[in-house]
């Protein structure tokens, strides 16, 4: 009873707990008072120990939860650092590729071109057949080398297109309204597709600035097992001209949408416009090997 008295939440109920003691006070006072006092002290000690144990358990649970939360936060931060490190490494590598390809083009390419011109001049003035044959063979070898260098430079340039940083720079430089950018690509698309996606994002942002009163733009570049997906949406309202074009199933050269649609069709992709909530461009490009992409650089 003593333990219950000190642990119940409704402290006014203690009065009812004391009624049996008050009624039998003479009995306790004459015979059991020391024992009663010991039991009261024991009840208080048990109550104190119980509360202390409960407090320790609660503190332990809070500490465990806080530790787990910090562990999750640290794990996410470490993952973010690793991802940023990978992005920085990739950007540095692509920048170095650009530098090397430019140096090859500016230095070695020009030297070989000058050599070809000099050999051509010698072939014009040389009359000896043996010398002409030697110069012709040398010219052909240098020409093959030039073609090989051009091919290598072209490949390095294609691989050096950094899709993520290119779009991120476009969104960072866009100050008309807020832009959110979500990038979820594991495998890099073909260089022509990269250029196409970058140009579409650039034209879309220009269209928002020229033809929309949007306050927020969302850009999502996603990868699925069979396709790449680009979604560009804003919360603006359409102008009367834009509504007329869309009602006539036209895109209008002035809005740049026709150019976007042509680019996507060249990759056998789908180009859709949704106007249920604001203005949204929904693009899918299939991930197919061996497709001959044509006119995608327009």
C-alpha atoms as a PDB file:
ATOM      1  CA  UNK A   1       0.000   0.000   0.000  1.00  0.00           C
ATOM      2  CA  UNK A   2       2.836   2.390   0.788  1.00  0.00           C
ATOM      3  CA  UNK A   3       4.448   1.676  -2.590  1.00  0.00           C
ATOM      4  CA  UNK A   4       1.139   2.225  -4.373  1.00  0.00           C
ATOM      5  CA  UNK A   5       0.522   5.435  -2.454  1.00  0.00           C
ATOM      6  CA  UNK A   6       3.768   6.949  -3.684  1.00  0.00           C
ATOM      7  CA  UNK A   7       3.464   5.710  -7.255  1.00  0.00           C
ATOM      8  CA  UNK A   8      -0.148   6.520  -8.147  1.00  0.00           C
ATOM      9  CA  UNK A   9      -0.647   9.567 -10.363  1.00  0.00           C
ATOM     10  CA  UNK A  10      -3.733  10.850  -8.489  1.00  0.00           C
ATOM     11  CA  UNK A  11      -2.096  12.072  -5.281  1.00  0.00           C
ATOM     12  CA  UNK A  12      -5.431  13.043  -3.680  1.00  0.00           C
ATOM     13  CA  UNK A  13      -6.290   9.317  -3.483  1.00  0.00           C
ATOM     14  CA  UNK A  14      -3.651   8.974  -0.759  1.00  0.00           C
ATOM     15  CA  UNK A  15      -6.347  10.054   1.745  1.00  0.00           C
ATOM     16  CA  UNK A  16      -8.354   6.917   1.012  1.00  0.00           C
ATOM     17  CA  UNK A  17      -5.268   4.744   1.409  1.00  0.00           C
ATOM     18  CA  UNK A  18      -4.720   6.161   4.912  1.00  0.00           C
ATOM     19  CA  UNK A  19      -8.233   5.333   6.144  1.00  0.00           C
ATOM     20  CA  UNK A  20      -7.407   1.699   7.172  1.00  0.00           C
ATOM     21  CA  UNK A  21      -4.378   2.910   9.123  1.00  0.00           C
ATOM     22  CA  UNK A  22      -6.366   5.650  10.871  1.00  0.00           C
ATOM     23  CA  UNK A  23      -9.166   3.242  11.830  1.00  0.00           C
ATOM     24  CA  UNK A  24      -6.693   0.723  13.287  1.00  0.00           C
ATOM     25  CA  UNK A  25      -4.253   3.234  14.701  1.00  0.00           C
ATOM     26  CA  UNK A  26      -4.410   1.792  18.264  1.00  0.00           C
ATOM     27  CA  UNK A  27      -3.535  -1.665  17.009  1.00  0.00           C
ATOM     28  CA  UNK A  28      -0.559  -0.481  14.990  1.00  0.00           C
ATOM     29  CA  UNK A  29       0.594   1.900  17.689  1.00  0.00           C
ATOM     30  CA  UNK A  30       0.597  -0.719  20.442  1.00  0.00           C
ATOM     31  CA  UNK A  31       1.837  -3.788  18.565  1.00  0.00           C
ATOM     32  CA  UNK A  32       3.112  -3.183  15.038  1.00  0.00           C
ATOM     33  CA  UNK A  33       4.372   0.376  14.854  1.00  0.00           C
ATOM     34  CA  UNK A  34       8.080  -0.534  14.367  1.00  0.00           C
ATOM     35  CA  UNK A  35       7.186  -3.105  11.732  1.00  0.00           C
ATOM     36  CA  UNK A  36       4.854  -0.618  10.079  1.00  0.00           C
ATOM     37  CA  UNK A  37       7.588   2.022   9.999  1.00  0.00           C
ATOM     38  CA  UNK A  38      10.013  -0.475   8.479  1.00  0.00           C
ATOM     39  CA  UNK A  39       7.465  -1.371   5.808  1.00  0.00           C
ATOM     40  CA  UNK A  40       6.869   2.312   5.063  1.00  0.00           C
ATOM     41  CA  UNK A  41      10.616   2.910   4.650  1.00  0.00           C
ATOM     42  CA  UNK A  42      10.900  -0.251   2.550  1.00  0.00           C
ATOM     43  CA  UNK A  43       8.061   0.926   0.319  1.00  0.00           C
ATOM     44  CA  UNK A  44       9.757   4.269  -0.154  1.00  0.00           C
ATOM     45  CA  UNK A  45      13.059   2.609  -1.059  1.00  0.00           C
ATOM     46  CA  UNK A  46      11.364   0.302  -3.543  1.00  0.00           C
ATOM     47  CA  UNK A  47       9.593   3.278  -5.082  1.00  0.00           C
ATOM     48  CA  UNK A  48      12.883   5.226  -5.327  1.00  0.00           C
ATOM     49  CA  UNK A  49      14.733   2.265  -6.875  1.00  0.00           C
ATOM     50  CA  UNK A  50      11.906   1.650  -9.306  1.00  0.00           C
ATOM     51  CA  UNK A  51      11.832   5.262 -10.468  1.00  0.00           C
ATOM     52  CA  UNK A  52      15.617   5.328 -10.810  1.00  0.00           C
ATOM     53  CA  UNK A  53      15.574   2.115 -12.825  1.00  0.00           C
ATOM     54  CA  UNK A  54      12.817   3.496 -15.073  1.00  0.00           C
ATOM     55  CA  UNK A  55      14.786   6.711 -15.563  1.00  0.00           C
ATOM     56  CA  UNK A  56      17.928   4.762 -16.490  1.00  0.00           C
ATOM     57  CA  UNK A  57      15.996   2.631 -18.975  1.00  0.00           C
ATOM     58  CA  UNK A  58      14.486   5.737 -20.602  1.00  0.00           C
ATOM     59  CA  UNK A  59      17.880   7.443 -20.780  1.00  0.00           C
ATOM     60  CA  UNK A  60      19.374   4.305 -22.300  1.00  0.00           C
ATOM     61  CA  UNK A  61      16.612   4.107 -24.915  1.00  0.00           C
ATOM     62  CA  UNK A  62      17.032   7.800 -25.798  1.00  0.00           C
ATOM     63  CA  UNK A  63      20.790   7.380 -26.030  1.00  0.00           C
ATOM     64  CA  UNK A  64      20.413   4.315 -28.214  1.00  0.00           C
ATOM     65  CA  UNK A  65      17.954   6.103 -30.515  1.00  0.00           C
ATOM     66  CA  UNK A  66      20.169   9.182 -30.747  1.00  0.00           C
ATOM     67  CA  UNK A  67      23.196   7.009 -31.484  1.00  0.00           C
ATOM     68  CA  UNK A  68      21.334   5.149 -34.212  1.00  0.00           C
ATOM     69  CA  UNK A  69      20.113   8.413 -35.704  1.00  0.00           C
ATOM     70  CA  UNK A  70      23.643   9.838 -35.720  1.00  0.00           C
ATOM     71  CA  UNK A  71      24.911   6.628 -37.303  1.00  0.00           C
ATOM     72  CA  UNK A  72      22.346   6.920 -40.105  1.00  0.00           C
ATOM     73  CA  UNK A  73      23.180  10.606 -40.621  1.00  0.00           C
ATOM     74  CA  UNK A  74      26.910   9.872 -40.745  1.00  0.00           C
ATOM     75  CA  UNK A  75      26.339   7.040 -43.186  1.00  0.00           C
ATOM     76  CA  UNK A  76      24.335   9.330 -45.478  1.00  0.00           C
ATOM     77  CA  UNK A  77      26.984  12.041 -45.200  1.00  0.00           C
ATOM     78  CA  UNK A  78      29.734   9.563 -46.033  1.00  0.00           C
ATOM     79  CA  UNK A  79      27.734   8.343 -49.015  1.00  0.00           C
ATOM     80  CA  UNK A  80      27.221  11.911 -50.173  1.00  0.00           C
ATOM     81  CA  UNK A  81      30.937  12.632 -49.792  1.00  0.00           C
ATOM     82  CA  UNK A  82      31.802   9.553 -51.830  1.00  0.00           C
ATOM     83  CA  UNK A  83      29.324  10.538 -54.542  1.00  0.00           C
ATOM     84  CA  UNK A  84      30.675  14.097 -54.628  1.00  0.00           C
ATOM     85  CA  UNK A  85      34.193  12.733 -54.763  1.00  0.00           C
ATOM     86  CA  UNK A  86      33.271  10.533 -57.714  1.00  0.00           C
ATOM     87  CA  UNK A  87      31.675  13.507 -59.449  1.00  0.00           C
ATOM     88  CA  UNK A  88      34.764  15.658 -58.858  1.00  0.00           C
ATOM     89  CA  UNK A  89      37.050  12.890 -60.125  1.00  0.00           C
ATOM     90  CA  UNK A  90      34.900  12.433 -63.217  1.00  0.00           C
ATOM     91  CA  UNK A  91      34.815  16.174 -63.859  1.00  0.00           C
ATOM     92  CA  UNK A  92      38.605  16.407 -63.481  1.00  0.00           C
ATOM     93  CA  UNK A  93      39.085  13.447 -65.809  1.00  0.00           C
ATOM     94  CA  UNK A  94      36.769  14.913 -68.429  1.00  0.00           C
ATOM     95  CA  UNK A  95      38.482  18.279 -68.162  1.00  0.00           C
ATOM     96  CA  UNK A  96      41.864  16.612 -68.681  1.00  0.00           C
ATOM     97  CA  UNK A  97      40.519  14.776 -71.728  1.00  0.00           C
ATOM     98  CA  UNK A  98      39.353  18.071 -73.176  1.00  0.00           C
ATOM     99  CA  UNK A  99      42.752  19.633 -72.561  1.00  0.00           C
ATOM    100  CA  UNK A 100      44.617  16.732 -74.177  1.00  0.00           C
ATOM    101  CA  UNK A 101      42.331  16.617 -77.203  1.00  0.00           C
ATOM    102  CA  UNK A 102      42.688  20.379 -77.668  1.00  0.00           C
ATOM    103  CA  UNK A 103      46.474  20.201 -77.478  1.00  0.00           C
ATOM    104  CA  UNK A 104      46.572  17.350 -79.970  1.00  0.00           C
ATOM    105  CA  UNK A 105      44.296  19.257 -82.316  1.00  0.00           C
ATOM    106  CA  UNK A 106      46.152  22.562 -82.007  1.00  0.00           C
ATOM    107  CA  UNK A 107      49.720  21.255 -82.065  1.00  0.00           C
ATOM    108  CA  UNK A 108      50.114  17.845 -83.678  1.00  0.00           C
ATOM    109  CA  UNK A 109      47.166  18.327 -86.006  1.00  0.00           C
ATOM    110  CA  UNK A 110      48.533  21.611 -87.342  1.00  0.00           C
ATOM    111  CA  UNK A 111      52.013  20.161 -87.786  1.00  0.00           C
ATOM    112  CA  UNK A 112      50.683  17.213 -89.780  1.00  0.00           C
ATOM    113  CA  UNK A 113      48.482  19.501 -91.872  1.00  0.00           C
ATOM    114  CA  UNK A 114      51.483  21.684 -92.678  1.00  0.00           C
ATOM    115  CA  UNK A 115      53.499  18.595 -93.558  1.00  0.00           C
ATOM    116  CA  UNK A 116      50.788  17.468 -95.970  1.00  0.00           C
ATOM    117  CA  UNK A 117      50.814  20.874 -97.652  1.00  0.00           C
ATOM    118  CA  UNK A 118      54.590  20.777 -97.995  1.00  0.00           C
ATOM    119  CA  UNK A 119      54.496  17.253 -99.445  1.00  0.00           C
ATOM    120  CA  UNK A 120      51.812  18.369-101.903  1.00  0.00           C
ATOM    121  CA  UNK A 121      54.038  21.259-102.980  1.00  0.00           C
ATOM    122  CA  UNK A 122      56.991  18.901-103.457  1.00  0.00           C
ATOM    123  CA  UNK A 123      54.852  16.525-105.535  1.00  0.00           C
ATOM    124  CA  UNK A 124      53.979  19.451-107.785  1.00  0.00           C
ATOM    125  CA  UNK A 125      57.565  20.376-108.555  1.00  0.00           C
ATOM    126  CA  UNK A 126      59.208  16.923-108.439  1.00  0.00           C
ATOM    127  CA  UNK A 127      59.738  15.190-111.769  1.00  0.00           C
ATOM    128  CA  UNK A 128      61.553  12.021-110.689  1.00  0.00           C
ATOM    129  CA  UNK A 129      59.172   9.077-110.505  1.00  0.00           C
ATOM    130  CA  UNK A 130      60.899   7.361-107.581  1.00  0.00           C
ATOM    131  CA  UNK A 131      60.785  10.537-105.515  1.00  0.00           C
ATOM    132  CA  UNK A 132      57.132  11.081-106.410  1.00  0.00           C
ATOM    133  CA  UNK A 133      56.255   7.536-105.321  1.00  0.00           C
ATOM    134  CA  UNK A 134      58.077   8.023-102.010  1.00  0.00           C
ATOM    135  CA  UNK A 135      56.393  11.357-101.370  1.00  0.00           C
ATOM    136  CA  UNK A 136      52.981   9.912-102.300  1.00  0.00           C
ATOM    137  CA  UNK A 137      53.459   7.031 -99.853  1.00  0.00           C
ATOM    138  CA  UNK A 138      54.556   9.480 -97.155  1.00  0.00           C
ATOM    139  CA  UNK A 139      51.565  11.721 -97.866  1.00  0.00           C
ATOM    140  CA  UNK A 140      49.174   8.769 -97.600  1.00  0.00           C
ATOM    141  CA  UNK A 141      50.743   7.662 -94.298  1.00  0.00           C
ATOM    142  CA  UNK A 142      50.472  11.139 -92.807  1.00  0.00           C
ATOM    143  CA  UNK A 143      46.919  11.432 -94.089  1.00  0.00           C
ATOM    144  CA  UNK A 144      46.005   8.145 -92.406  1.00  0.00           C
ATOM    145  CA  UNK A 145      47.599   9.437 -89.228  1.00  0.00           C
ATOM    146  CA  UNK A 146      45.539  12.614 -89.460  1.00  0.00           C
ATOM    147  CA  UNK A 147      42.343  10.586 -89.837  1.00  0.00           C
ATOM    148  CA  UNK A 148      43.290   8.494 -86.822  1.00  0.00           C
ATOM    149  CA  UNK A 149      43.973  11.608 -84.744  1.00  0.00           C
ATOM    150  CA  UNK A 150      40.664  13.160 -85.802  1.00  0.00           C
ATOM    151  CA  UNK A 151      38.832   9.998 -84.820  1.00  0.00           C
ATOM    152  CA  UNK A 152      40.587   9.859 -81.437  1.00  0.00           C
ATOM    153  CA  UNK A 153      39.906  13.526 -80.730  1.00  0.00           C
ATOM    154  CA  UNK A 154      36.256  13.079 -81.681  1.00  0.00           C
ATOM    155  CA  UNK A 155      35.903  10.093 -79.360  1.00  0.00           C
ATOM    156  CA  UNK A 156      37.602  11.926 -76.510  1.00  0.00           C
ATOM    157  CA  UNK A 157      35.293  14.881 -77.028  1.00  0.00           C
ATOM    158  CA  UNK A 158      32.199  12.675 -76.991  1.00  0.00           C
ATOM    159  CA  UNK A 159      33.304  10.935 -73.799  1.00  0.00           C
ATOM    160  CA  UNK A 160      34.158  14.257 -72.185  1.00  0.00           C
ATOM    161  CA  UNK A 161      30.563  15.520 -72.286  1.00  0.00           C
ATOM    162  CA  UNK A 162      29.589  15.682 -68.626  1.00  0.00           C
ATOM    163  CA  UNK A 163      25.805  15.436 -68.691  1.00  0.00           C
ATOM    164  CA  UNK A 164      25.240  16.022 -64.969  1.00  0.00           C
ATOM    165  CA  UNK A 165      27.504  19.066 -64.606  1.00  0.00           C
ATOM    166  CA  UNK A 166      26.290  20.560 -67.894  1.00  0.00           C
ATOM    167  CA  UNK A 167      22.645  20.501 -66.779  1.00  0.00           C
ATOM    168  CA  UNK A 168      23.588  21.508 -63.235  1.00  0.00           C
ATOM    169  CA  UNK A 169      25.341  24.589 -64.619  1.00  0.00           C
ATOM    170  CA  UNK A 170      22.252  25.481 -66.665  1.00  0.00           C
ATOM    171  CA  UNK A 171      20.044  25.244 -63.583  1.00  0.00           C
ATOM    172  CA  UNK A 172      22.531  27.162 -61.445  1.00  0.00           C
ATOM    173  CA  UNK A 173      22.743  30.018 -63.960  1.00  0.00           C
ATOM    174  CA  UNK A 174      18.939  30.190 -64.305  1.00  0.00           C
ATOM    175  CA  UNK A 175      17.736  33.008 -62.029  1.00  0.00           C
ATOM    176  CA  UNK A 176      14.204  33.549 -63.367  1.00  0.00           C
ATOM    177  CA  UNK A 177      12.701  31.215 -60.760  1.00  0.00           C
ATOM    178  CA  UNK A 178      13.581  28.287 -58.521  1.00  0.00           C
ATOM    179  CA  UNK A 179      14.767  25.116 -60.274  1.00  0.00           C
ATOM    180  CA  UNK A 180      15.004  21.649 -58.723  1.00  0.00           C
ATOM    181  CA  UNK A 181      17.187  19.071 -60.477  1.00  0.00           C
ATOM    182  CA  UNK A 182      17.033  15.307 -59.933  1.00  0.00           C
ATOM    183  CA  UNK A 183      19.659  13.138 -61.633  1.00  0.00           C
ATOM    184  CA  UNK A 184      19.482   9.351 -61.441  1.00  0.00           C
ATOM    185  CA  UNK A 185      21.619   7.834 -64.201  1.00  0.00           C
ATOM    186  CA  UNK A 186      23.965   4.928 -63.694  1.00  0.00           C
ATOM    187  CA  UNK A 187      24.920   4.280 -67.329  1.00  0.00           C
ATOM    188  CA  UNK A 188      25.901   7.224 -69.485  1.00  0.00           C
ATOM    189  CA  UNK A 189      23.925   7.691 -72.730  1.00  0.00           C
ATOM    190  CA  UNK A 190      25.459   8.043 -76.163  1.00  0.00           C
ATOM    191  CA  UNK A 191      27.243  11.344 -76.798  1.00  0.00           C
ATOM    192  CA  UNK A 192      24.557  12.418 -79.276  1.00  0.00           C
ATOM    193  CA  UNK A 193      21.839  11.737 -76.700  1.00  0.00           C
ATOM    194  CA  UNK A 194      23.792  13.739 -74.108  1.00  0.00           C
ATOM    195  CA  UNK A 195      23.990  16.731 -76.441  1.00  0.00           C
ATOM    196  CA  UNK A 196      20.303  16.384 -77.260  1.00  0.00           C
ATOM    197  CA  UNK A 197      19.243  16.314 -73.599  1.00  0.00           C
ATOM    198  CA  UNK A 198      21.436  19.299 -72.730  1.00  0.00           C
ATOM    199  CA  UNK A 199      19.989  21.335 -75.614  1.00  0.00           C
ATOM    200  CA  UNK A 200      16.418  20.432 -74.663  1.00  0.00           C
ATOM    201  CA  UNK A 201      16.958  21.506 -71.051  1.00  0.00           C
ATOM    202  CA  UNK A 202      18.515  24.761 -72.264  1.00  0.00           C
ATOM    203  CA  UNK A 203      15.646  25.508 -74.657  1.00  0.00           C
ATOM    204  CA  UNK A 204      13.051  24.581 -72.025  1.00  0.00           C
ATOM    205  CA  UNK A 205      14.521  27.001 -69.498  1.00  0.00           C
ATOM    206  CA  UNK A 206      14.588  29.710 -72.162  1.00  0.00           C
ATOM    207  CA  UNK A 207      10.918  29.015 -72.909  1.00  0.00           C
ATOM    208  CA  UNK A 208      10.020  29.303 -69.231  1.00  0.00           C
ATOM    209  CA  UNK A 209      11.724  32.680 -69.059  1.00  0.00           C
ATOM    210  CA  UNK A 210      10.107  33.980 -72.280  1.00  0.00           C
ATOM    211  CA  UNK A 211       6.628  32.459 -72.255  1.00  0.00           C
ATOM    212  CA  UNK A 212       5.759  31.548 -68.659  1.00  0.00           C
ATOM    213  CA  UNK A 213       4.993  33.110 -65.285  1.00  0.00           C
ATOM    214  CA  UNK A 214       6.222  30.021 -63.424  1.00  0.00           C
ATOM    215  CA  UNK A 215       7.691  30.264 -59.952  1.00  0.00           C
ATOM    216  CA  UNK A 216       9.108  26.743 -59.862  1.00  0.00           C
ATOM    217  CA  UNK A 217      10.654  24.400 -62.424  1.00  0.00           C
ATOM    218  CA  UNK A 218      11.375  20.721 -61.895  1.00  0.00           C
ATOM    219  CA  UNK A 219      13.895  18.802 -64.029  1.00  0.00           C
ATOM    220  CA  UNK A 220      14.170  15.032 -63.647  1.00  0.00           C
ATOM    221  CA  UNK A 221      16.619  12.920 -65.627  1.00  0.00           C
ATOM    222  CA  UNK A 222      15.987   9.269 -64.844  1.00  0.00           C
ATOM    223  CA  UNK A 223      17.194   5.900 -66.091  1.00  0.00           C
ATOM    224  CA  UNK A 224      15.001   2.838 -66.453  1.00  0.00           C
ATOM    225  CA  UNK A 225      15.977  -0.662 -67.632  1.00  0.00           C
ATOM    226  CA  UNK A 226      14.873   0.021 -71.203  1.00  0.00           C
ATOM    227  CA  UNK A 227      14.927   3.795 -71.566  1.00  0.00           C
ATOM    228  CA  UNK A 228      16.102   7.225 -70.456  1.00  0.00           C
ATOM    229  CA  UNK A 229      13.467   9.643 -69.207  1.00  0.00           C
ATOM    230  CA  UNK A 230      13.532  13.438 -69.076  1.00  0.00           C
ATOM    231  CA  UNK A 231      10.705  15.327 -67.364  1.00  0.00           C
ATOM    232  CA  UNK A 232      10.664  19.126 -67.329  1.00  0.00           C
ATOM    233  CA  UNK A 233       7.689  20.673 -65.532  1.00  0.00           C
ATOM    234  CA  UNK A 234       6.759  24.149 -64.317  1.00  0.00           C
ATOM    235  CA  UNK A 235       3.785  25.598 -62.444  1.00  0.00           C
ATOM    236  CA  UNK A 236       3.182  28.469 -64.851  1.00  0.00           C
ATOM    237  CA  UNK A 237       0.115  29.242 -66.967  1.00  0.00           C
ATOM    238  CA  UNK A 238       0.105  28.986 -70.759  1.00  0.00           C
ATOM    239  CA  UNK A 239      -0.044  32.048 -72.947  1.00  0.00           C
ATOM    240  CA  UNK A 240      -2.873  32.374 -75.498  1.00  0.00           C
ATOM    241  CA  UNK A 241      -0.449  31.708 -78.339  1.00  0.00           C
ATOM    242  CA  UNK A 242       0.820  28.554 -76.702  1.00  0.00           C
ATOM    243  CA  UNK A 243      -2.736  27.342 -76.059  1.00  0.00           C
ATOM    244  CA  UNK A 244      -3.619  27.862 -79.719  1.00  0.00           C
ATOM    245  CA  UNK A 245      -0.590  25.927 -80.925  1.00  0.00           C
ATOM    246  CA  UNK A 246      -1.330  23.047 -78.567  1.00  0.00           C
ATOM    247  CA  UNK A 247      -5.029  22.975 -79.498  1.00  0.00           C
ATOM    248  CA  UNK A 248      -3.989  22.633 -83.151  1.00  0.00           C
ATOM    249  CA  UNK A 249      -1.527  19.833 -82.277  1.00  0.00           C
ATOM    250  CA  UNK A 250       1.311  22.121 -83.265  1.00  0.00           C
ATOM    251  CA  UNK A 251       4.432  23.034 -81.380  1.00  0.00           C
ATOM    252  CA  UNK A 252       5.335  26.324 -83.010  1.00  0.00           C
ATOM    253  CA  UNK A 253       8.814  27.300 -84.121  1.00  0.00           C
ATOM    254  CA  UNK A 254       8.801  30.292 -81.805  1.00  0.00           C
ATOM    255  CA  UNK A 255       8.569  28.086 -78.722  1.00  0.00           C
ATOM    256  CA  UNK A 256      11.393  25.751 -79.770  1.00  0.00           C
ATOM    257  CA  UNK A 257       9.179  22.716 -79.149  1.00  0.00           C
ATOM    258  CA  UNK A 258       9.256  21.552 -82.747  1.00  0.00           C
ATOM    259  CA  UNK A 259      13.031  21.383 -82.619  1.00  0.00           C
ATOM    260  CA  UNK A 260      12.832  19.321 -79.417  1.00  0.00           C
ATOM    261  CA  UNK A 261      10.279  16.933 -80.944  1.00  0.00           C
ATOM    262  CA  UNK A 262      12.448  16.452 -84.044  1.00  0.00           C
ATOM    263  CA  UNK A 263      15.493  15.670 -81.932  1.00  0.00           C
ATOM    264  CA  UNK A 264      13.632  13.057 -79.906  1.00  0.00           C
ATOM    265  CA  UNK A 265      12.093  11.439 -82.994  1.00  0.00           C
ATOM    266  CA  UNK A 266      15.575  11.032 -84.454  1.00  0.00           C
ATOM    267  CA  UNK A 267      16.340   8.763 -81.483  1.00  0.00           C
ATOM    268  CA  UNK A 268      13.056   6.852 -81.960  1.00  0.00           C
ATOM    269  CA  UNK A 269      11.837   8.341 -78.703  1.00  0.00           C
ATOM    270  CA  UNK A 270       8.554   9.831 -77.509  1.00  0.00           C
ATOM    271  CA  UNK A 271       7.857  13.514 -76.949  1.00  0.00           C
ATOM    272  CA  UNK A 272       4.709  14.462 -75.026  1.00  0.00           C
ATOM    273  CA  UNK A 273       3.323  17.700 -73.616  1.00  0.00           C
ATOM    274  CA  UNK A 274       1.044  17.710 -70.571  1.00  0.00           C
ATOM    275  CA  UNK A 275      -0.909  20.770 -69.427  1.00  0.00           C
ATOM    276  CA  UNK A 276      -3.017  19.387 -66.570  1.00  0.00           C
ATOM    277  CA  UNK A 277      -0.955  21.135 -63.916  1.00  0.00           C
ATOM    278  CA  UNK A 278       1.209  23.868 -65.359  1.00  0.00           C
ATOM    279  CA  UNK A 279       3.311  22.875 -68.362  1.00  0.00           C
ATOM    280  CA  UNK A 280       5.191  19.590 -68.562  1.00  0.00           C
ATOM    281  CA  UNK A 281       7.441  18.035 -71.202  1.00  0.00           C
ATOM    282  CA  UNK A 282       7.675  14.264 -70.920  1.00  0.00           C
ATOM    283  CA  UNK A 283      10.421  12.605 -72.969  1.00  0.00           C
ATOM    284  CA  UNK A 284      11.531   8.982 -73.264  1.00  0.00           C
ATOM    285  CA  UNK A 285      14.460   7.693 -75.324  1.00  0.00           C
ATOM    286  CA  UNK A 286      14.929   3.927 -75.728  1.00  0.00           C
ATOM    287  CA  UNK A 287      18.184   2.299 -74.682  1.00  0.00           C
ATOM    288  CA  UNK A 288      18.857   0.201 -77.746  1.00  0.00           C
ATOM    289  CA  UNK A 289      22.174  -0.960 -79.094  1.00  0.00           C
ATOM    290  CA  UNK A 290      22.915  -0.710 -82.756  1.00  0.00           C
ATOM    291  CA  UNK A 291      20.446   2.094 -83.529  1.00  0.00           C
ATOM    292  CA  UNK A 292      21.660   4.510 -86.188  1.00  0.00           C
ATOM    293  CA  UNK A 293      20.805   7.884 -84.688  1.00  0.00           C
ATOM    294  CA  UNK A 294      20.521  10.477 -87.440  1.00  0.00           C
ATOM    295  CA  UNK A 295      20.055  14.240 -87.472  1.00  0.00           C
ATOM    296  CA  UNK A 296      20.319  14.368 -83.681  1.00  0.00           C
ATOM    297  CA  UNK A 297      22.764  17.233 -83.796  1.00  0.00           C
ATOM    298  CA  UNK A 298      20.236  19.665 -85.273  1.00  0.00           C
END
